[in-house]
Amino acid sequence: MFPSIPLFAVVSAPFKRSQMGLFQGKMKQYGNNVPNSKHKTRRTWLPNVHNQRLYSDALQQFIRLKVTARALKTIKKQYGNIDKYLLNTKPELLGWEGMRLRVLVREKQREVVGEVAKVAS
């Protein structure tokens, strides 16, 4: 079922870019550059993000997404396809875009089940 709390309350947004794709909890990281002189300067590391087209069996179309390498590996190895990943992953790891896609997939699956029930009866 849908979470009873509003979507924006569930998903925190310290790194807003991660909410616009499937980043699987990967965020911007901070640290220091440390050369031989030991003079530390601040720097950041960004997640390994790729633009991908993933085929959704439920929606019967390709979905264009920004996906981290970690999320892509999880989708392909653990779940097999994007639909199973969207339906079985925690909302905190999906972000806004993932939750939007989850709702679309669930609605489409309910439509298909309703049509099958009508045909069977």
PDB file of N, CA and C in Angstrom:
ATOM      1  N   MET A   1       0.836  -1.188   0.000  1.00  0.00           N
ATOM      2  CA  MET A   1       0.000   0.000   0.000  1.00  0.00           C
ATOM      3  C   MET A   1       0.878   1.248   0.000  1.00  0.00           C
ATOM      4  N   PHE A   2       0.229   2.377  -0.197  1.00  0.00           N
ATOM      5  CA  PHE A   2       0.946   3.632  -0.219  1.00  0.00           C
ATOM      6  C   PHE A   2       1.288   4.066   1.197  1.00  0.00           C
ATOM      7  N   PRO A   3       2.435   4.717   1.376  1.00  0.00           N
ATOM      8  CA  PRO A   3       2.767   5.185   2.719  1.00  0.00           C
ATOM      9  C   PRO A   3       1.758   6.228   3.177  1.00  0.00           C
ATOM     10  N   SER A   4       1.425   6.207   4.480  1.00  0.00           N
ATOM     11  CA  SER A   4       0.432   7.139   4.997  1.00  0.00           C
ATOM     12  C   SER A   4       1.014   8.537   5.188  1.00  0.00           C
ATOM     13  N   ILE A   5       2.326   8.645   5.290  1.00  0.00           N
ATOM     14  CA  ILE A   5       2.962   9.941   5.428  1.00  0.00           C
ATOM     15  C   ILE A   5       3.165  10.523   4.025  1.00  0.00           C
ATOM     16  N   PRO A   6       3.087  11.853   3.890  1.00  0.00           N
ATOM     17  CA  PRO A   6       3.321  12.438   2.566  1.00  0.00           C
ATOM     18  C   PRO A   6       4.712  12.103   2.046  1.00  0.00           C
ATOM     19  N   LEU A   7       4.827  12.011   0.738  1.00  0.00           N
ATOM     20  CA  LEU A   7       6.090  11.621   0.100  1.00  0.00           C
ATOM     21  C   LEU A   7       7.228  12.553   0.471  1.00  0.00           C
ATOM     22  N   PHE A   8       6.972  13.863   0.524  1.00  0.00           N
ATOM     23  CA  PHE A   8       8.047  14.812   0.791  1.00  0.00           C
ATOM     24  C   PHE A   8       8.532  14.729   2.230  1.00  0.00           C
ATOM     25  N   ALA A   9       7.697  14.196   3.132  1.00  0.00           N
ATOM     26  CA  ALA A   9       8.127  14.029   4.523  1.00  0.00           C
ATOM     27  C   ALA A   9       9.032  12.804   4.654  1.00  0.00           C
ATOM     28  N   VAL A  10       8.804  11.799   3.825  1.00  0.00           N
ATOM     29  CA  VAL A  10       9.584  10.561   3.883  1.00  0.00           C
ATOM     30  C   VAL A  10      10.984  10.775   3.356  1.00  0.00           C
ATOM     31  N   VAL A  11      11.105  11.525   2.261  1.00  0.00           N
ATOM     32  CA  VAL A  11      12.370  11.659   1.561  1.00  0.00           C
ATOM     33  C   VAL A  11      13.051  12.963   1.979  1.00  0.00           C
ATOM     34  N   SER A  12      14.217  12.859   2.590  1.00  0.00           N
ATOM     35  CA  SER A  12      14.979  14.060   2.900  1.00  0.00           C
ATOM     36  C   SER A  12      15.776  14.455   1.663  1.00  0.00           C
ATOM     37  N   ALA A  13      16.133  15.730   1.563  1.00  0.00           N
ATOM     38  CA  ALA A  13      16.786  16.193   0.351  1.00  0.00           C
ATOM     39  C   ALA A  13      18.049  17.001   0.634  1.00  0.00           C
ATOM     40  N   PRO A  14      19.070  16.396   1.261  1.00  0.00           N
ATOM     41  CA  PRO A  14      20.302  17.149   1.435  1.00  0.00           C
ATOM     42  C   PRO A  14      21.063  17.313   0.122  1.00  0.00           C
ATOM     43  N   PHE A  15      20.873  16.392  -0.805  1.00  0.00           N
ATOM     44  CA  PHE A  15      21.520  16.436  -2.115  1.00  0.00           C
ATOM     45  C   PHE A  15      20.392  16.308  -3.132  1.00  0.00           C
ATOM     46  N   LYS A  16      19.802  17.441  -3.506  1.00  0.00           N
ATOM     47  CA  LYS A  16      18.560  17.439  -4.267  1.00  0.00           C
ATOM     48  C   LYS A  16      18.677  16.695  -5.593  1.00  0.00           C
ATOM     49  N   ARG A  17      19.828  16.725  -6.198  1.00  0.00           N
ATOM     50  CA  ARG A  17      20.014  16.044  -7.472  1.00  0.00           C
ATOM     51  C   ARG A  17      19.716  14.550  -7.352  1.00  0.00           C
ATOM     52  N   SER A  18      19.961  13.981  -6.174  1.00  0.00           N
ATOM     53  CA  SER A  18      19.731  12.548  -5.988  1.00  0.00           C
ATOM     54  C   SER A  18      18.252  12.198  -5.968  1.00  0.00           C
ATOM     55  N   GLN A  19      17.381  13.189  -5.819  1.00  0.00           N
ATOM     56  CA  GLN A  19      15.945  12.926  -5.818  1.00  0.00           C
ATOM     57  C   GLN A  19      15.382  12.835  -7.234  1.00  0.00           C
ATOM     58  N   MET A  20      16.145  13.248  -8.232  1.00  0.00           N
ATOM     59  CA  MET A  20      15.668  13.293  -9.605  1.00  0.00           C
ATOM     60  C   MET A  20      16.073  12.060 -10.410  1.00  0.00           C
ATOM     61  N   GLY A  21      16.486  11.016  -9.744  1.00  0.00           N
ATOM     62  CA  GLY A  21      16.847   9.777 -10.413  1.00  0.00           C
ATOM     63  C   GLY A  21      16.911   8.659  -9.391  1.00  0.00           C
ATOM     64  N   LEU A  22      17.448   7.525  -9.805  1.00  0.00           N
ATOM     65  CA  LEU A  22      17.608   6.394  -8.892  1.00  0.00           C
ATOM     66  C   LEU A  22      19.054   6.370  -8.422  1.00  0.00           C
ATOM     67  N   PHE A  23      19.319   6.954  -7.265  1.00  0.00           N
ATOM     68  CA  PHE A  23      20.679   7.068  -6.745  1.00  0.00           C
ATOM     69  C   PHE A  23      20.950   6.055  -5.640  1.00  0.00           C
ATOM     70  N   GLN A  24      19.942   5.346  -5.183  1.00  0.00           N
ATOM     71  CA  GLN A  24      20.029   4.323  -4.140  1.00  0.00           C
ATOM     72  C   GLN A  24      20.801   4.805  -2.910  1.00  0.00           C
ATOM     73  N   GLY A  25      20.464   5.999  -2.444  1.00  0.00           N
ATOM     74  CA  GLY A  25      21.060   6.515  -1.222  1.00  0.00           C
ATOM     75  C   GLY A  25      22.443   7.125  -1.386  1.00  0.00           C
ATOM     76  N   LYS A  26      23.001   7.100  -2.572  1.00  0.00           N
ATOM     77  CA  LYS A  26      24.330   7.690  -2.782  1.00  0.00           C
ATOM     78  C   LYS A  26      24.218   9.204  -2.780  1.00  0.00           C
ATOM     79  N   MET A  27      25.099   9.846  -2.054  1.00  0.00           N
ATOM     80  CA  MET A  27      25.075  11.291  -1.903  1.00  0.00           C
ATOM     81  C   MET A  27      26.439  11.885  -2.251  1.00  0.00           C
ATOM     82  N   LYS A  28      26.474  13.200  -2.259  1.00  0.00           N
ATOM     83  CA  LYS A  28      27.728  13.920  -2.416  1.00  0.00           C
ATOM     84  C   LYS A  28      28.556  13.685  -1.159  1.00  0.00           C
ATOM     85  N   GLN A  29      29.852  13.391  -1.317  1.00  0.00           N
ATOM     86  CA  GLN A  29      30.724  13.176  -0.165  1.00  0.00           C
ATOM     87  C   GLN A  29      31.762  14.292  -0.087  1.00  0.00           C
ATOM     88  N   TYR A  30      32.177  14.585   1.124  1.00  0.00           N
ATOM     89  CA  TYR A  30      33.125  15.665   1.358  1.00  0.00           C
ATOM     90  C   TYR A  30      34.387  15.121   1.999  1.00  0.00           C
ATOM     91  N   GLY A  31      35.514  15.772   1.717  1.00  0.00           N
ATOM     92  CA  GLY A  31      36.776  15.355   2.314  1.00  0.00           C
ATOM     93  C   GLY A  31      37.863  16.370   2.005  1.00  0.00           C
ATOM     94  N   ASN A  32      39.101  15.921   2.128  1.00  0.00           N
ATOM     95  CA  ASN A  32      40.247  16.796   1.913  1.00  0.00           C
ATOM     96  C   ASN A  32      41.173  16.249   0.840  1.00  0.00           C
ATOM     97  N   ASN A  33      41.759  17.139   0.047  1.00  0.00           N
ATOM     98  CA  ASN A  33      42.919  16.797  -0.768  1.00  0.00           C
ATOM     99  C   ASN A  33      44.130  16.963   0.147  1.00  0.00           C
ATOM    100  N   VAL A  34      44.983  15.969   0.210  1.00  0.00           N
ATOM    101  CA  VAL A  34      46.153  16.054   1.093  1.00  0.00           C
ATOM    102  C   VAL A  34      47.408  15.748   0.273  1.00  0.00           C
ATOM    103  N   PRO A  35      48.159  16.783  -0.129  1.00  0.00           N
ATOM    104  CA  PRO A  35      49.403  16.553  -0.866  1.00  0.00           C
ATOM    105  C   PRO A  35      50.550  16.244   0.095  1.00  0.00           C
ATOM    106  N   ASN A  36      51.772  16.141  -0.434  1.00  0.00           N
ATOM    107  CA  ASN A  36      52.948  15.841   0.398  1.00  0.00           C
ATOM    108  C   ASN A  36      53.195  16.898   1.465  1.00  0.00           C
ATOM    109  N   SER A  37      52.810  18.146   1.175  1.00  0.00           N
ATOM    110  CA  SER A  37      53.044  19.221   2.136  1.00  0.00           C
ATOM    111  C   SER A  37      52.058  19.180   3.305  1.00  0.00           C
ATOM    112  N   LYS A  38      51.083  18.294   3.236  1.00  0.00           N
ATOM    113  CA  LYS A  38      50.044  18.133   4.264  1.00  0.00           C
ATOM    114  C   LYS A  38      49.138  19.354   4.405  1.00  0.00           C
ATOM    115  N   HIS A  39      49.112  20.210   3.395  1.00  0.00           N
ATOM    116  CA  HIS A  39      48.216  21.367   3.409  1.00  0.00           C
ATOM    117  C   HIS A  39      46.859  20.899   2.871  1.00  0.00           C
ATOM    118  N   LYS A  40      45.875  20.731   3.770  1.00  0.00           N
ATOM    119  CA  LYS A  40      44.582  20.161   3.385  1.00  0.00           C
ATOM    120  C   LYS A  40      43.686  21.216   2.752  1.00  0.00           C
ATOM    121  N   THR A  41      43.047  20.838   1.637  1.00  0.00           N
ATOM    122  CA  THR A  41      42.037  21.689   1.007  1.00  0.00           C
ATOM    123  C   THR A  41      40.777  20.853   0.811  1.00  0.00           C
ATOM    124  N   ARG A  42      39.613  21.474   1.034  1.00  0.00           N
ATOM    125  CA  ARG A  42      38.342  20.752   0.938  1.00  0.00           C
ATOM    126  C   ARG A  42      38.013  20.410  -0.507  1.00  0.00           C
ATOM    127  N   ARG A  43      37.338  19.288  -0.677  1.00  0.00           N
ATOM    128  CA  ARG A  43      36.864  18.884  -1.997  1.00  0.00           C
ATOM    129  C   ARG A  43      35.631  18.015  -1.848  1.00  0.00           C
ATOM    130  N   THR A  44      34.977  17.729  -2.957  1.00  0.00           N
ATOM    131  CA  THR A  44      33.778  16.890  -2.937  1.00  0.00           C
ATOM    132  C   THR A  44      33.917  15.766  -3.949  1.00  0.00           C
ATOM    133  N   TRP A  45      33.176  14.689  -3.699  1.00  0.00           N
ATOM    134  CA  TRP A  45      33.077  13.576  -4.632  1.00  0.00           C
ATOM    135  C   TRP A  45      31.616  13.401  -4.986  1.00  0.00           C
ATOM    136  N   LEU A  46      31.325  13.322  -6.274  1.00  0.00           N
ATOM    137  CA  LEU A  46      29.951  13.128  -6.728  1.00  0.00           C
ATOM    138  C   LEU A  46      29.715  11.652  -7.042  1.00  0.00           C
ATOM    139  N   PRO A  47      28.456  11.194  -6.937  1.00  0.00           N
ATOM    140  CA  PRO A  47      28.156   9.799  -7.274  1.00  0.00           C
ATOM    141  C   PRO A  47      28.394   9.516  -8.759  1.00  0.00           C
ATOM    142  N   ASN A  48      28.604   8.252  -9.076  1.00  0.00           N
ATOM    143  CA  ASN A  48      28.849   7.802 -10.447  1.00  0.00           C
ATOM    144  C   ASN A  48      27.494   7.669 -11.152  1.00  0.00           C
ATOM    145  N   VAL A  49      27.059   8.746 -11.831  1.00  0.00           N
ATOM    146  CA  VAL A  49      25.712   8.817 -12.406  1.00  0.00           C
ATOM    147  C   VAL A  49      25.769   8.652 -13.919  1.00  0.00           C
ATOM    148  N   HIS A  50      24.802   7.879 -14.442  1.00  0.00           N
ATOM    149  CA  HIS A  50      24.686   7.651 -15.884  1.00  0.00           C
ATOM    150  C   HIS A  50      23.249   7.868 -16.307  1.00  0.00           C
ATOM    151  N   ASN A  51      23.052   8.372 -17.520  1.00  0.00           N
ATOM    152  CA  ASN A  51      21.713   8.438 -18.104  1.00  0.00           C
ATOM    153  C   ASN A  51      21.445   7.102 -18.774  1.00  0.00           C
ATOM    154  N   GLN A  52      20.347   6.458 -18.385  1.00  0.00           N
ATOM    155  CA  GLN A  52      20.039   5.126 -18.912  1.00  0.00           C
ATOM    156  C   GLN A  52      18.592   5.070 -19.381  1.00  0.00           C
ATOM    157  N   ARG A  53      18.339   4.163 -20.330  1.00  0.00           N
ATOM    158  CA  ARG A  53      16.976   3.814 -20.717  1.00  0.00           C
ATOM    159  C   ARG A  53      16.741   2.400 -20.208  1.00  0.00           C
ATOM    160  N   LEU A  54      15.775   2.254 -19.321  1.00  0.00           N
ATOM    161  CA  LEU A  54      15.454   0.941 -18.770  1.00  0.00           C
ATOM    162  C   LEU A  54      14.039   0.572 -19.185  1.00  0.00           C
ATOM    163  N   TYR A  55      13.842  -0.680 -19.607  1.00  0.00           N
ATOM    164  CA  TYR A  55      12.523  -1.110 -20.085  1.00  0.00           C
ATOM    165  C   TYR A  55      11.664  -1.571 -18.925  1.00  0.00           C
ATOM    166  N   SER A  56      10.463  -1.012 -18.842  1.00  0.00           N
ATOM    167  CA  SER A  56       9.507  -1.398 -17.818  1.00  0.00           C
ATOM    168  C   SER A  56       8.500  -2.368 -18.432  1.00  0.00           C
ATOM    169  N   ASP A  57       8.416  -3.583 -17.874  1.00  0.00           N
ATOM    170  CA  ASP A  57       7.460  -4.571 -18.374  1.00  0.00           C
ATOM    171  C   ASP A  57       6.030  -4.136 -18.095  1.00  0.00           C
ATOM    172  N   ALA A  58       5.794  -3.518 -16.949  1.00  0.00           N
ATOM    173  CA  ALA A  58       4.442  -3.104 -16.574  1.00  0.00           C
ATOM    174  C   ALA A  58       3.954  -1.968 -17.474  1.00  0.00           C
ATOM    175  N   LEU A  59       4.812  -0.982 -17.732  1.00  0.00           N
ATOM    176  CA  LEU A  59       4.419   0.176 -18.535  1.00  0.00           C
ATOM    177  C   LEU A  59       4.559  -0.080 -20.031  1.00  0.00           C
ATOM    178  N   GLN A  60       5.249  -1.147 -20.407  1.00  0.00           N
ATOM    179  CA  GLN A  60       5.475  -1.499 -21.812  1.00  0.00           C
ATOM    180  C   GLN A  60       6.184  -0.391 -22.582  1.00  0.00           C
ATOM    181  N   GLN A  61       7.183   0.239 -21.945  1.00  0.00           N
ATOM    182  CA  GLN A  61       7.953   1.288 -22.611  1.00  0.00           C
ATOM    183  C   GLN A  61       9.285   1.490 -21.899  1.00  0.00           C
ATOM    184  N   PHE A  62      10.183   2.188 -22.588  1.00  0.00           N
ATOM    185  CA  PHE A  62      11.463   2.536 -21.990  1.00  0.00           C
ATOM    186  C   PHE A  62      11.289   3.771 -21.111  1.00  0.00           C
ATOM    187  N   ILE A  63      12.020   3.800 -19.995  1.00  0.00           N
ATOM    188  CA  ILE A  63      12.014   4.941 -19.089  1.00  0.00           C
ATOM    189  C   ILE A  63      13.419   5.519 -19.080  1.00  0.00           C
ATOM    190  N   ARG A  64      13.532   6.825 -19.315  1.00  0.00           N
ATOM    191  CA  ARG A  64      14.833   7.497 -19.256  1.00  0.00           C
ATOM    192  C   ARG A  64      15.068   7.973 -17.832  1.00  0.00           C
ATOM    193  N   LEU A  65      16.214   7.578 -17.263  1.00  0.00           N
ATOM    194  CA  LEU A  65      16.519   7.887 -15.876  1.00  0.00           C
ATOM    195  C   LEU A  65      17.976   8.251 -15.691  1.00  0.00           C
ATOM    196  N   LYS A  66      18.236   9.002 -14.631  1.00  0.00           N
ATOM    197  CA  LYS A  66      19.603   9.148 -14.146  1.00  0.00           C
ATOM    198  C   LYS A  66      19.771   8.077 -13.078  1.00  0.00           C
ATOM    199  N   VAL A  67      20.751   7.199 -13.268  1.00  0.00           N
ATOM    200  CA  VAL A  67      20.940   6.060 -12.380  1.00  0.00           C
ATOM    201  C   VAL A  67      22.404   5.985 -11.969  1.00  0.00           C
ATOM    202  N   THR A  68      22.656   5.726 -10.679  1.00  0.00           N
ATOM    203  CA  THR A  68      24.034   5.509 -10.252  1.00  0.00           C
ATOM    204  C   THR A  68      24.449   4.092 -10.636  1.00  0.00           C
ATOM    205  N   ALA A  69      25.733   3.877 -10.705  1.00  0.00           N
ATOM    206  CA  ALA A  69      26.250   2.554 -11.032  1.00  0.00           C
ATOM    207  C   ALA A  69      25.793   1.540  -9.987  1.00  0.00           C
ATOM    208  N   ARG A  70      25.739   1.953  -8.735  1.00  0.00           N
ATOM    209  CA  ARG A  70      25.292   1.080  -7.652  1.00  0.00           C
ATOM    210  C   ARG A  70      23.836   0.648  -7.847  1.00  0.00           C
ATOM    211  N   ALA A  71      22.952   1.601  -8.179  1.00  0.00           N
ATOM    212  CA  ALA A  71      21.543   1.282  -8.395  1.00  0.00           C
ATOM    213  C   ALA A  71      21.378   0.388  -9.620  1.00  0.00           C
ATOM    214  N   LEU A  72      22.123   0.667 -10.673  1.00  0.00           N
ATOM    215  CA  LEU A  72      22.030  -0.135 -11.896  1.00  0.00           C
ATOM    216  C   LEU A  72      22.461  -1.574 -11.636  1.00  0.00           C
ATOM    217  N   LYS A  73      23.522  -1.746 -10.866  1.00  0.00           N
ATOM    218  CA  LYS A  73      23.995  -3.083 -10.513  1.00  0.00           C
ATOM    219  C   LYS A  73      22.940  -3.821  -9.694  1.00  0.00           C
ATOM    220  N   THR A  74      22.305  -3.137  -8.755  1.00  0.00           N
ATOM    221  CA  THR A  74      21.263  -3.751  -7.941  1.00  0.00           C
ATOM    222  C   THR A  74      20.069  -4.139  -8.791  1.00  0.00           C
ATOM    223  N   ILE A  75      19.670  -3.263  -9.706  1.00  0.00           N
ATOM    224  CA  ILE A  75      18.525  -3.548 -10.581  1.00  0.00           C
ATOM    225  C   ILE A  75      18.790  -4.800 -11.401  1.00  0.00           C
ATOM    226  N   LYS A  76      19.961  -4.878 -11.997  1.00  0.00           N
ATOM    227  CA  LYS A  76      20.247  -5.990 -12.905  1.00  0.00           C
ATOM    228  C   LYS A  76      20.530  -7.306 -12.182  1.00  0.00           C
ATOM    229  N   LYS A  77      21.259  -7.259 -11.058  1.00  0.00           N
ATOM    230  CA  LYS A  77      21.672  -8.497 -10.394  1.00  0.00           C
ATOM    231  C   LYS A  77      20.656  -9.009  -9.384  1.00  0.00           C
ATOM    232  N   GLN A  78      20.125  -8.117  -8.565  1.00  0.00           N
ATOM    233  CA  GLN A  78      19.274  -8.562  -7.472  1.00  0.00           C
ATOM    234  C   GLN A  78      17.811  -8.691  -7.879  1.00  0.00           C
ATOM    235  N   TYR A  79      17.312  -7.756  -8.683  1.00  0.00           N
ATOM    236  CA  TYR A  79      15.892  -7.735  -9.011  1.00  0.00           C
ATOM    237  C   TYR A  79      15.583  -8.196 -10.435  1.00  0.00           C
ATOM    238  N   GLY A  80      16.485  -8.027 -11.359  1.00  0.00           N
ATOM    239  CA  GLY A  80      16.244  -8.495 -12.716  1.00  0.00           C
ATOM    240  C   GLY A  80      15.655  -7.446 -13.645  1.00  0.00           C
ATOM    241  N   ASN A  81      14.742  -6.605 -13.133  1.00  0.00           N
ATOM    242  CA  ASN A  81      14.205  -5.529 -13.964  1.00  0.00           C
ATOM    243  C   ASN A  81      13.794  -4.344 -13.100  1.00  0.00           C
ATOM    244  N   ILE A  82      13.473  -3.243 -13.758  1.00  0.00           N
ATOM    245  CA  ILE A  82      13.191  -1.986 -13.061  1.00  0.00           C
ATOM    246  C   ILE A  82      11.908  -2.065 -12.240  1.00  0.00           C
ATOM    247  N   ASP A  83      10.912  -2.820 -12.706  1.00  0.00           N
ATOM    248  CA  ASP A  83       9.632  -2.895 -12.001  1.00  0.00           C
ATOM    249  C   ASP A  83       9.789  -3.530 -10.622  1.00  0.00           C
ATOM    250  N   LYS A  84      10.487  -4.645 -10.546  1.00  0.00           N
ATOM    251  CA  LYS A  84      10.699  -5.311  -9.257  1.00  0.00           C
ATOM    252  C   LYS A  84      11.508  -4.431  -8.316  1.00  0.00           C
ATOM    253  N   TYR A  85      12.500  -3.722  -8.858  1.00  0.00           N
ATOM    254  CA  TYR A  85      13.313  -2.813  -8.042  1.00  0.00           C
ATOM    255  C   TYR A  85      12.449  -1.713  -7.443  1.00  0.00           C
ATOM    256  N   LEU A  86      11.598  -1.096  -8.265  1.00  0.00           N
ATOM    257  CA  LEU A  86      10.758   0.001  -7.789  1.00  0.00           C
ATOM    258  C   LEU A  86       9.765  -0.464  -6.732  1.00  0.00           C
ATOM    259  N   LEU A  87       9.218  -1.660  -6.893  1.00  0.00           N
ATOM    260  CA  LEU A  87       8.198  -2.142  -5.968  1.00  0.00           C
ATOM    261  C   LEU A  87       8.780  -2.663  -4.655  1.00  0.00           C
ATOM    262  N   ASN A  88      10.025  -3.120  -4.649  1.00  0.00           N
ATOM    263  CA  ASN A  88      10.587  -3.767  -3.457  1.00  0.00           C
ATOM    264  C   ASN A  88      11.614  -2.942  -2.693  1.00  0.00           C
ATOM    265  N   THR A  89      11.983  -1.771  -3.192  1.00  0.00           N
ATOM    266  CA  THR A  89      13.005  -0.958  -2.541  1.00  0.00           C
ATOM    267  C   THR A  89      12.359   0.020  -1.564  1.00  0.00           C
ATOM    268  N   LYS A  90      13.059   0.321  -0.472  1.00  0.00           N
ATOM    269  CA  LYS A  90      12.557   1.265   0.535  1.00  0.00           C
ATOM    270  C   LYS A  90      12.381   2.653  -0.076  1.00  0.00           C
ATOM    271  N   PRO A  91      11.354   3.399   0.365  1.00  0.00           N
ATOM    272  CA  PRO A  91      11.136   4.751  -0.175  1.00  0.00           C
ATOM    273  C   PRO A  91      12.317   5.692   0.048  1.00  0.00           C
ATOM    274  N   GLU A  92      13.056   5.503   1.158  1.00  0.00           N
ATOM    275  CA  GLU A  92      14.200   6.386   1.433  1.00  0.00           C
ATOM    276  C   GLU A  92      15.274   6.251   0.361  1.00  0.00           C
ATOM    277  N   LEU A  93      15.396   5.065  -0.233  1.00  0.00           N
ATOM    278  CA  LEU A  93      16.416   4.841  -1.260  1.00  0.00           C
ATOM    279  C   LEU A  93      15.944   5.240  -2.655  1.00  0.00           C
ATOM    280  N   LEU A  94      14.628   5.319  -2.856  1.00  0.00           N
ATOM    281  CA  LEU A  94      14.111   5.635  -4.185  1.00  0.00           C
ATOM    282  C   LEU A  94      14.143   7.121  -4.516  1.00  0.00           C
ATOM    283  N   GLY A  95      13.815   7.974  -3.579  1.00  0.00           N
ATOM    284  CA  GLY A  95      13.739   9.404  -3.874  1.00  0.00           C
ATOM    285  C   GLY A  95      12.428   9.750  -4.552  1.00  0.00           C
ATOM    286  N   TRP A  96      12.277  11.024  -4.935  1.00  0.00           N
ATOM    287  CA  TRP A  96      11.023  11.499  -5.516  1.00  0.00           C
ATOM    288  C   TRP A  96      10.713  10.822  -6.843  1.00  0.00           C
ATOM    289  N   GLU A  97      11.692  10.758  -7.722  1.00  0.00           N
ATOM    290  CA  GLU A  97      11.475  10.172  -9.052  1.00  0.00           C
ATOM    291  C   GLU A  97      11.156   8.687  -8.949  1.00  0.00           C
ATOM    292  N   GLY A  98      11.853   7.981  -8.083  1.00  0.00           N
ATOM    293  CA  GLY A  98      11.577   6.558  -7.888  1.00  0.00           C
ATOM    294  C   GLY A  98      10.180   6.313  -7.350  1.00  0.00           C
ATOM    295  N   MET A  99       9.743   7.149  -6.406  1.00  0.00           N
ATOM    296  CA  MET A  99       8.392   6.998  -5.862  1.00  0.00           C
ATOM    297  C   MET A  99       7.336   7.318  -6.919  1.00  0.00           C
ATOM    298  N   ARG A 100       7.606   8.294  -7.766  1.00  0.00           N
ATOM    299  CA  ARG A 100       6.672   8.621  -8.855  1.00  0.00           C
ATOM    300  C   ARG A 100       6.528   7.439  -9.805  1.00  0.00           C
ATOM    301  N   LEU A 101       7.644   6.813 -10.144  1.00  0.00           N
ATOM    302  CA  LEU A 101       7.615   5.648 -11.031  1.00  0.00           C
ATOM    303  C   LEU A 101       6.946   4.457 -10.351  1.00  0.00           C
ATOM    304  N   ARG A 102       7.166   4.301  -9.040  1.00  0.00           N
ATOM    305  CA  ARG A 102       6.528   3.212  -8.296  1.00  0.00           C
ATOM    306  C   ARG A 102       5.012   3.323  -8.387  1.00  0.00           C
ATOM    307  N   VAL A 103       4.490   4.533  -8.230  1.00  0.00           N
ATOM    308  CA  VAL A 103       3.042   4.754  -8.314  1.00  0.00           C
ATOM    309  C   VAL A 103       2.536   4.406  -9.714  1.00  0.00           C
ATOM    310  N   LEU A 104       3.254   4.814 -10.752  1.00  0.00           N
ATOM    311  CA  LEU A 104       2.849   4.497 -12.131  1.00  0.00           C
ATOM    312  C   LEU A 104       2.810   2.990 -12.370  1.00  0.00           C
ATOM    313  N   VAL A 105       3.827   2.278 -11.896  1.00  0.00           N
ATOM    314  CA  VAL A 105       3.892   0.828 -12.094  1.00  0.00           C
ATOM    315  C   VAL A 105       2.759   0.131 -11.341  1.00  0.00           C
ATOM    316  N   ARG A 106       2.510   0.546 -10.101  1.00  0.00           N
ATOM    317  CA  ARG A 106       1.425  -0.062  -9.318  1.00  0.00           C
ATOM    318  C   ARG A 106       0.069   0.155  -9.969  1.00  0.00           C
ATOM    319  N   GLU A 107      -0.181   1.384 -10.451  1.00  0.00           N
ATOM    320  CA  GLU A 107      -1.459   1.671 -11.108  1.00  0.00           C
ATOM    321  C   GLU A 107      -1.640   0.808 -12.352  1.00  0.00           C
ATOM    322  N   LYS A 108      -0.599   0.685 -13.139  1.00  0.00           N
ATOM    323  CA  LYS A 108      -0.680  -0.114 -14.364  1.00  0.00           C
ATOM    324  C   LYS A 108      -0.922  -1.585 -14.039  1.00  0.00           C
ATOM    325  N   GLN A 109      -0.240  -2.103 -12.997  1.00  0.00           N
ATOM    326  CA  GLN A 109      -0.439  -3.497 -12.606  1.00  0.00           C
ATOM    327  C   GLN A 109      -1.867  -3.733 -12.129  1.00  0.00           C
ATOM    328  N   ARG A 110      -2.442  -2.771 -11.397  1.00  0.00           N
ATOM    329  CA  ARG A 110      -3.830  -2.909 -10.933  1.00  0.00           C
ATOM    330  C   ARG A 110      -4.799  -2.902 -12.108  1.00  0.00           C
ATOM    331  N   GLU A 111      -4.545  -2.071 -13.126  1.00  0.00           N
ATOM    332  CA  GLU A 111      -5.375  -2.049 -14.322  1.00  0.00           C
ATOM    333  C   GLU A 111      -5.360  -3.410 -15.009  1.00  0.00           C
ATOM    334  N   VAL A 112      -4.186  -3.980 -15.150  1.00  0.00           N
ATOM    335  CA  VAL A 112      -4.043  -5.275 -15.825  1.00  0.00           C
ATOM    336  C   VAL A 112      -4.776  -6.366 -15.050  1.00  0.00           C
ATOM    337  N   VAL A 113      -4.634  -6.365 -13.708  1.00  0.00           N
ATOM    338  CA  VAL A 113      -5.313  -7.367 -12.884  1.00  0.00           C
ATOM    339  C   VAL A 113      -6.821  -7.201 -12.991  1.00  0.00           C
ATOM    340  N   GLY A 114      -7.306  -5.960 -13.013  1.00  0.00           N
ATOM    341  CA  GLY A 114      -8.744  -5.696 -13.170  1.00  0.00           C
ATOM    342  C   GLY A 114      -9.268  -6.183 -14.501  1.00  0.00           C
ATOM    343  N   GLU A 115      -8.518  -5.979 -15.570  1.00  0.00           N
ATOM    344  CA  GLU A 115      -8.931  -6.440 -16.892  1.00  0.00           C
ATOM    345  C   GLU A 115      -8.974  -7.958 -16.962  1.00  0.00           C
ATOM    346  N   VAL A 116      -7.994  -8.606 -16.357  1.00  0.00           N
ATOM    347  CA  VAL A 116      -7.949 -10.083 -16.337  1.00  0.00           C
ATOM    348  C   VAL A 116      -9.145 -10.635 -15.563  1.00  0.00           C
ATOM    349  N   ALA A 117      -9.494  -9.983 -14.453  1.00  0.00           N
ATOM    350  CA  ALA A 117     -10.637 -10.440 -13.645  1.00  0.00           C
ATOM    351  C   ALA A 117     -11.947 -10.294 -14.420  1.00  0.00           C
ATOM    352  N   LYS A 118     -12.088  -9.204 -15.198  1.00  0.00           N
ATOM    353  CA  LYS A 118     -13.294  -9.003 -15.989  1.00  0.00           C
ATOM    354  C   LYS A 118     -13.409 -10.055 -17.080  1.00  0.00           C
ATOM    355  N   VAL A 119     -12.300 -10.373 -17.725  1.00  0.00           N
ATOM    356  CA  VAL A 119     -12.304 -11.372 -18.796  1.00  0.00           C
ATOM    357  C   VAL A 119     -12.604 -12.757 -18.237  1.00  0.00           C
ATOM    358  N   ALA A 120     -12.077 -13.061 -17.066  1.00  0.00           N
ATOM    359  CA  ALA A 120     -12.268 -14.388 -16.454  1.00  0.00           C
ATOM    360  C   ALA A 120     -13.707 -14.594 -15.988  1.00  0.00           C
ATOM    361  N   SER A 121     -14.389 -13.528 -15.612  1.00  0.00           N
ATOM    362  CA  SER A 121     -15.768 -13.716 -15.108  1.00  0.00           C
ATOM    363  C   SER A 121     -16.817 -13.629 -16.181  1.00  0.00           C
TER     364      SER A 121
END
